[in-house]
N, C-alpha and C. Protein backbone atom coordinates (compact mmCIF):
# COMPACT_ATOMS: atom_id res chain seq x y z
N MET A 1 52.28 0.01 -4.31
CA MET A 1 52.32 1.53 -4.61
C MET A 1 52.07 1.88 -5.98
N LYS A 2 52.61 0.97 -7.00
CA LYS A 2 52.37 1.21 -8.46
C LYS A 2 50.85 0.96 -8.68
N ARG A 3 50.12 0.22 -8.10
CA ARG A 3 48.91 -0.16 -8.32
C ARG A 3 47.98 0.92 -7.72
N ILE A 4 48.27 1.56 -6.64
CA ILE A 4 47.53 2.79 -6.09
C ILE A 4 47.79 3.82 -7.10
N ALA A 5 48.95 4.07 -7.50
CA ALA A 5 49.09 5.23 -8.58
C ALA A 5 48.25 5.10 -9.81
N LEU A 6 48.47 3.78 -10.47
CA LEU A 6 47.47 3.60 -11.50
C LEU A 6 46.16 3.68 -11.20
N ILE A 7 45.58 3.33 -10.25
CA ILE A 7 44.10 3.52 -9.81
C ILE A 7 43.78 4.95 -9.80
N VAL A 8 44.65 5.76 -9.06
CA VAL A 8 44.40 7.07 -9.02
C VAL A 8 44.53 7.85 -10.38
N MET A 9 45.45 7.39 -11.22
CA MET A 9 45.49 8.02 -12.57
C MET A 9 44.40 7.68 -13.46
N ALA A 10 43.93 6.47 -13.32
CA ALA A 10 42.69 6.13 -13.99
C ALA A 10 41.44 6.82 -13.47
N GLY A 11 41.32 7.26 -12.37
CA GLY A 11 40.38 7.92 -11.75
C GLY A 11 40.29 9.43 -12.27
N PHE A 12 41.58 9.98 -12.45
CA PHE A 12 41.52 11.29 -13.00
C PHE A 12 41.14 11.30 -14.53
N LEU A 13 41.52 10.22 -15.10
CA LEU A 13 41.25 10.20 -16.55
C LEU A 13 39.77 10.15 -16.79
N ALA A 14 39.14 9.34 -15.89
CA ALA A 14 37.74 9.05 -16.04
C ALA A 14 36.95 10.49 -15.76
N LEU A 15 37.44 11.23 -14.75
CA LEU A 15 36.85 12.55 -14.29
C LEU A 15 37.04 13.43 -15.45
N GLY A 16 38.09 13.50 -16.04
CA GLY A 16 38.37 14.37 -17.11
C GLY A 16 37.42 14.33 -18.40
N SER A 17 37.02 13.09 -18.60
CA SER A 17 36.07 12.74 -19.81
C SER A 17 34.58 13.07 -19.47
N VAL A 18 34.21 13.46 -18.19
CA VAL A 18 32.91 13.82 -17.88
C VAL A 18 32.32 14.95 -18.63
N PRO A 19 33.10 16.10 -18.58
CA PRO A 19 32.72 17.27 -19.28
C PRO A 19 32.30 17.19 -20.75
N THR A 20 33.19 16.29 -21.40
CA THR A 20 33.28 15.99 -22.90
C THR A 20 31.89 15.20 -23.00
N PHE A 21 31.72 14.31 -22.32
CA PHE A 21 30.43 13.43 -22.38
C PHE A 21 29.27 14.25 -22.22
N ALA A 22 29.16 15.14 -21.23
CA ALA A 22 28.09 16.05 -20.98
C ALA A 22 27.88 16.76 -22.24
N ALA A 23 28.90 17.38 -22.92
CA ALA A 23 28.77 18.21 -24.08
C ALA A 23 28.18 17.37 -25.27
N ASP A 24 28.60 16.11 -25.28
CA ASP A 24 28.04 15.28 -26.34
C ASP A 24 26.63 14.95 -26.14
N MET A 25 26.05 15.02 -24.97
CA MET A 25 24.83 14.67 -24.67
C MET A 25 23.84 15.80 -24.99
N GLY A 26 24.37 16.92 -25.51
CA GLY A 26 23.59 18.08 -25.69
C GLY A 26 23.09 18.93 -24.49
N MET A 27 23.86 18.89 -23.40
CA MET A 27 23.53 19.68 -22.34
C MET A 27 24.24 20.98 -22.54
N GLY A 28 23.32 22.14 -22.85
CA GLY A 28 24.05 23.30 -23.17
C GLY A 28 24.77 23.51 -24.49
N SER A 29 24.46 22.70 -25.34
CA SER A 29 25.18 22.76 -26.63
C SER A 29 24.12 23.35 -27.56
N LYS A 30 24.63 23.85 -28.67
CA LYS A 30 23.91 24.68 -29.74
C LYS A 30 23.40 23.60 -30.74
N ASP A 31 22.21 23.83 -31.22
CA ASP A 31 21.50 23.13 -32.38
C ASP A 31 22.00 23.67 -33.57
N GLU A 32 23.09 23.32 -34.15
CA GLU A 32 23.60 23.72 -35.29
C GLU A 32 22.74 23.44 -36.53
N CYS A 33 21.87 22.52 -36.53
CA CYS A 33 20.85 22.30 -37.57
C CYS A 33 19.86 23.49 -37.74
N LEU A 34 19.37 23.80 -36.52
CA LEU A 34 18.47 24.96 -36.48
C LEU A 34 19.15 26.18 -36.87
N LEU A 35 20.43 26.40 -36.23
CA LEU A 35 21.06 27.80 -36.35
C LEU A 35 21.70 28.00 -37.65
N ILE A 36 22.37 26.96 -38.28
CA ILE A 36 23.15 27.04 -39.52
C ILE A 36 22.81 25.96 -40.51
N SER A 37 21.92 25.31 -40.35
CA SER A 37 21.70 24.05 -41.17
C SER A 37 22.86 23.15 -41.34
N LYS A 38 23.54 22.88 -40.34
CA LYS A 38 24.83 21.99 -40.31
C LYS A 38 24.44 20.84 -39.38
N ASN A 39 24.97 19.76 -39.63
CA ASN A 39 24.73 18.62 -38.79
C ASN A 39 23.30 18.07 -38.75
N CYS A 40 22.68 18.26 -39.74
CA CYS A 40 21.03 17.81 -39.70
C CYS A 40 20.85 16.27 -39.80
N ARG A 41 21.80 15.54 -40.36
CA ARG A 41 21.61 14.09 -40.33
C ARG A 41 20.11 13.60 -40.85
N ASN A 42 19.68 14.19 -41.97
CA ASN A 42 18.40 13.75 -42.50
C ASN A 42 17.22 14.01 -41.67
N GLU A 43 17.27 15.17 -40.94
CA GLU A 43 16.12 15.44 -39.99
C GLU A 43 14.96 16.05 -40.87
N VAL A 44 13.89 15.43 -40.52
CA VAL A 44 12.69 16.01 -41.26
C VAL A 44 11.69 16.29 -40.13
N ASP A 45 11.36 17.67 -39.75
CA ASP A 45 10.54 17.96 -38.81
C ASP A 45 9.16 18.57 -39.32
N SER A 46 8.04 18.32 -38.70
CA SER A 46 6.93 18.99 -38.96
C SER A 46 6.99 20.38 -38.67
N ILE A 47 6.30 21.41 -39.11
CA ILE A 47 6.33 22.70 -38.77
C ILE A 47 6.19 23.01 -37.27
N GLN A 48 5.37 22.14 -36.70
CA GLN A 48 4.96 22.28 -35.15
C GLN A 48 6.33 21.95 -34.32
N GLN A 49 7.07 20.76 -34.82
CA GLN A 49 8.30 20.38 -34.22
C GLN A 49 9.34 21.31 -34.33
N LYS A 50 9.43 21.98 -35.49
CA LYS A 50 10.46 22.89 -35.82
C LYS A 50 10.18 24.17 -34.72
N ILE A 51 8.98 24.61 -34.64
CA ILE A 51 8.65 25.76 -33.63
C ILE A 51 9.01 25.22 -32.22
N ALA A 52 8.65 24.05 -31.75
CA ALA A 52 9.02 23.61 -30.64
C ALA A 52 10.59 23.61 -30.34
N LYS A 53 11.31 23.09 -31.31
CA LYS A 53 12.70 23.06 -31.17
C LYS A 53 13.38 24.43 -31.02
N LEU A 54 12.83 25.35 -31.81
CA LEU A 54 13.31 26.67 -31.89
C LEU A 54 13.04 27.23 -30.50
N GLN A 55 11.93 27.18 -29.98
CA GLN A 55 11.59 27.95 -28.77
C GLN A 55 12.46 27.17 -27.57
N GLY A 56 12.75 25.99 -27.56
CA GLY A 56 13.59 25.36 -26.71
C GLY A 56 14.94 25.85 -26.85
N GLU A 57 15.64 26.02 -27.99
CA GLU A 57 16.85 26.80 -27.97
C GLU A 57 16.90 28.09 -27.81
N ILE A 58 15.89 28.88 -28.14
CA ILE A 58 15.88 30.18 -27.52
C ILE A 58 15.73 30.35 -26.02
N ASN A 59 15.11 29.51 -25.48
CA ASN A 59 15.13 29.34 -23.93
C ASN A 59 16.31 29.27 -23.39
N LYS A 60 17.45 28.57 -23.98
CA LYS A 60 18.54 28.45 -23.45
C LYS A 60 19.23 29.67 -23.16
N GLY A 61 18.96 30.70 -24.19
CA GLY A 61 19.60 32.07 -23.82
C GLY A 61 20.93 32.25 -24.14
N HIS A 62 21.39 33.17 -23.43
CA HIS A 62 22.81 33.61 -23.30
C HIS A 62 23.82 32.63 -22.86
N ARG A 63 23.23 31.67 -22.08
CA ARG A 63 24.14 30.58 -21.47
C ARG A 63 24.83 29.89 -22.71
N VAL A 64 24.16 29.68 -23.85
CA VAL A 64 24.73 28.94 -24.96
C VAL A 64 24.83 29.70 -26.26
N TYR A 65 24.03 30.82 -26.47
CA TYR A 65 23.90 31.44 -27.72
C TYR A 65 24.45 32.87 -27.56
N THR A 66 25.10 33.35 -28.64
CA THR A 66 25.39 34.83 -28.56
C THR A 66 24.26 35.76 -28.97
N ALA A 67 24.14 36.96 -28.72
CA ALA A 67 23.11 37.88 -29.10
C ALA A 67 22.54 37.78 -30.59
N ASP A 68 23.48 37.57 -31.52
CA ASP A 68 23.32 37.47 -32.90
C ASP A 68 22.61 35.97 -33.27
N GLU A 69 23.23 35.06 -32.65
CA GLU A 69 22.65 33.72 -32.79
C GLU A 69 21.18 33.66 -32.27
N LEU A 70 20.90 34.26 -31.08
CA LEU A 70 19.60 34.29 -30.51
C LEU A 70 18.61 35.07 -31.54
N LYS A 71 19.22 36.14 -32.04
CA LYS A 71 18.25 36.89 -33.00
C LYS A 71 18.00 36.25 -34.29
N LYS A 72 19.05 35.36 -34.84
CA LYS A 72 18.73 34.48 -35.98
C LYS A 72 17.65 33.33 -35.52
N LEU A 73 17.94 32.70 -34.35
CA LEU A 73 16.80 31.85 -33.89
C LEU A 73 15.41 32.35 -33.88
N GLN A 74 15.41 33.68 -33.27
CA GLN A 74 14.07 34.35 -33.25
C GLN A 74 13.42 34.65 -34.56
N GLU A 75 14.28 35.06 -35.55
CA GLU A 75 13.76 35.41 -36.88
C GLU A 75 13.22 33.92 -37.53
N LYS A 76 13.96 32.96 -37.37
CA LYS A 76 13.44 31.58 -37.80
C LYS A 76 12.29 31.26 -37.16
N LEU A 77 12.12 31.62 -35.98
CA LEU A 77 10.84 31.20 -35.18
C LEU A 77 9.67 31.89 -35.79
N LYS A 78 9.89 33.23 -36.04
CA LYS A 78 8.89 34.10 -36.55
C LYS A 78 8.41 33.73 -37.99
N GLU A 79 9.44 33.38 -38.73
CA GLU A 79 9.20 32.76 -39.97
C GLU A 79 8.39 31.52 -40.11
N ALA A 80 8.77 30.41 -39.20
CA ALA A 80 8.07 29.27 -39.04
C ALA A 80 6.61 29.52 -38.50
N ASN A 81 6.40 30.49 -37.63
CA ASN A 81 4.97 30.72 -37.11
C ASN A 81 4.17 31.37 -38.23
N ASP A 82 4.87 32.14 -39.04
CA ASP A 82 4.13 32.78 -40.34
C ASP A 82 3.78 31.63 -41.21
N ILE A 83 4.47 30.75 -41.35
CA ILE A 83 4.26 29.70 -42.42
C ILE A 83 3.00 28.82 -41.74
N LEU A 84 3.10 28.54 -40.35
CA LEU A 84 1.99 27.87 -39.95
C LEU A 84 0.83 28.65 -39.92
N ASP A 85 0.74 29.90 -39.65
CA ASP A 85 -0.51 30.77 -39.86
C ASP A 85 -1.04 30.82 -41.22
N ASP A 86 -0.08 30.85 -42.31
CA ASP A 86 -0.58 30.69 -43.68
C ASP A 86 -1.23 29.31 -44.00
N LEU A 87 -0.72 28.27 -43.35
CA LEU A 87 -1.20 27.00 -43.65
C LEU A 87 -2.60 26.80 -42.92
N ASN A 88 -2.83 27.51 -41.82
CA ASN A 88 -4.11 27.49 -41.10
C ASN A 88 -5.14 28.33 -41.67
N LYS A 89 -4.82 29.17 -42.52
CA LYS A 89 -5.79 30.10 -43.16
C LYS A 89 -6.95 29.31 -43.87
N PRO A 90 -8.13 29.64 -43.85
CA PRO A 90 -9.14 29.01 -44.72
C PRO A 90 -8.73 29.02 -46.27
N GLY A 91 -8.91 27.91 -46.85
CA GLY A 91 -8.73 27.90 -48.30
C GLY A 91 -7.42 27.24 -48.64
N HIS A 92 -6.77 26.66 -47.66
CA HIS A 92 -5.55 25.97 -47.89
C HIS A 92 -5.65 24.49 -47.60
């Protein structure tokens, strides 16, 4: 009887850790490096990579980000696109 109770308790413990594991894997989580330059861990992206990441985060929409955060990401995307446009102009 104690063995069964122990197995059931271990099962509940394992099931309880699944949402935490999913959050750690980035499923539905915010990219704080793009949003507020936090937790960047020496990330160095090309302008094209940054644009792709920003678009991916914006596509998560209101499931993950507040309206203000989405606006900030969209502003950063516009800024990155402007930089890319400037770099692609003749004479650079």
